[in-house]
Amino acid sequence: MIVRELITKLGFVVDESALRGFDSKIGSIQKNMQGLTGNLQKVATGIRNVGLGLARLLQPHWLV
């Protein structure tokens, strides 16, 4: 809001429809990034579980 007021005081015209479109695109990017982060966390958990399983499988049986 403050940036918009500053731009108008400098004499430039603010295109409201362009701002709404830009805001919408930023919102969709944020939503996609949240989904990507969630998927990467699942992948990281899976890799950790595989590593723990392999470590347990490969340790000498007398240690179990």
Protein backbone atom coordinates (compact mmCIF):
# COMPACT_ATOMS: atom_id res chain seq x y z
CA MET A 1 0.00 0.00 0.00
CA ILE A 2 2.78 2.43 0.88
CA VAL A 3 4.65 1.65 -2.33
CA ARG A 4 1.51 2.29 -4.38
CA GLU A 5 0.99 5.66 -2.70
CA LEU A 6 4.61 6.61 -3.33
CA ILE A 7 4.31 5.68 -7.00
CA THR A 8 1.17 7.78 -7.42
CA LYS A 9 2.78 10.74 -5.65
CA LEU A 10 5.66 10.54 -8.11
CA GLY A 11 3.11 10.96 -10.89
CA PHE A 12 2.84 7.44 -12.22
CA VAL A 13 -0.46 5.66 -12.79
CA VAL A 14 -0.99 2.35 -11.02
CA ASP A 15 -2.80 -0.27 -13.11
CA GLU A 16 -5.06 -2.00 -10.57
CA SER A 17 -5.94 -4.92 -12.84
CA ALA A 18 -2.27 -5.60 -13.51
CA LEU A 19 -1.59 -5.54 -9.77
CA ARG A 20 -4.38 -8.04 -9.14
CA GLY A 21 -3.03 -10.31 -11.88
CA PHE A 22 0.47 -10.05 -10.48
CA ASP A 23 -0.81 -10.79 -6.97
CA SER A 24 -2.68 -13.81 -8.28
CA LYS A 25 0.44 -15.16 -10.00
CA ILE A 26 2.52 -14.67 -6.85
CA GLY A 27 -0.15 -16.52 -4.86
CA SER A 28 -0.09 -19.46 -7.25
CA ILE A 29 3.72 -19.57 -7.14
CA GLN A 30 3.62 -19.62 -3.32
CA LYS A 31 1.07 -22.44 -3.38
CA ASN A 32 3.21 -24.47 -5.81
CA MET A 33 6.32 -23.90 -3.69
CA GLN A 34 4.49 -25.13 -0.58
CA GLY A 35 3.46 -28.29 -2.44
CA LEU A 36 7.01 -28.81 -3.68
CA THR A 37 8.41 -28.36 -0.18
CA GLY A 38 5.95 -30.91 1.19
CA ASN A 39 6.91 -33.42 -1.51
CA LEU A 40 10.63 -32.89 -0.88
CA GLN A 41 10.09 -33.56 2.83
CA LYS A 42 8.43 -36.87 1.95
CA VAL A 43 11.36 -37.79 -0.30
CA ALA A 44 13.87 -36.88 2.42
CA THR A 45 11.98 -38.99 4.96
CA GLY A 46 11.95 -41.92 2.54
CA ILE A 47 15.69 -41.65 1.90
CA ARG A 48 16.36 -41.49 5.64
CA ASN A 49 14.20 -44.58 6.23
CA VAL A 50 16.01 -46.50 3.48
CA GLY A 51 19.35 -45.50 5.00
CA LEU A 52 18.27 -46.64 8.46
CA GLY A 53 16.98 -49.92 7.03
CA LEU A 54 20.24 -50.56 5.18
CA ALA A 55 22.30 -49.70 8.25
CA ARG A 56 20.30 -52.15 10.31
CA LEU A 57 20.49 -54.82 7.63
CA LEU A 58 24.24 -54.48 7.16
CA GLN A 59 25.30 -54.41 10.81
CA PRO A 60 26.79 -57.60 12.25
CA HIS A 61 24.13 -59.87 13.72
CA TRP A 62 25.94 -60.24 17.03
CA LEU A 63 25.34 -56.51 17.68
CA VAL A 64 21.55 -56.87 17.43
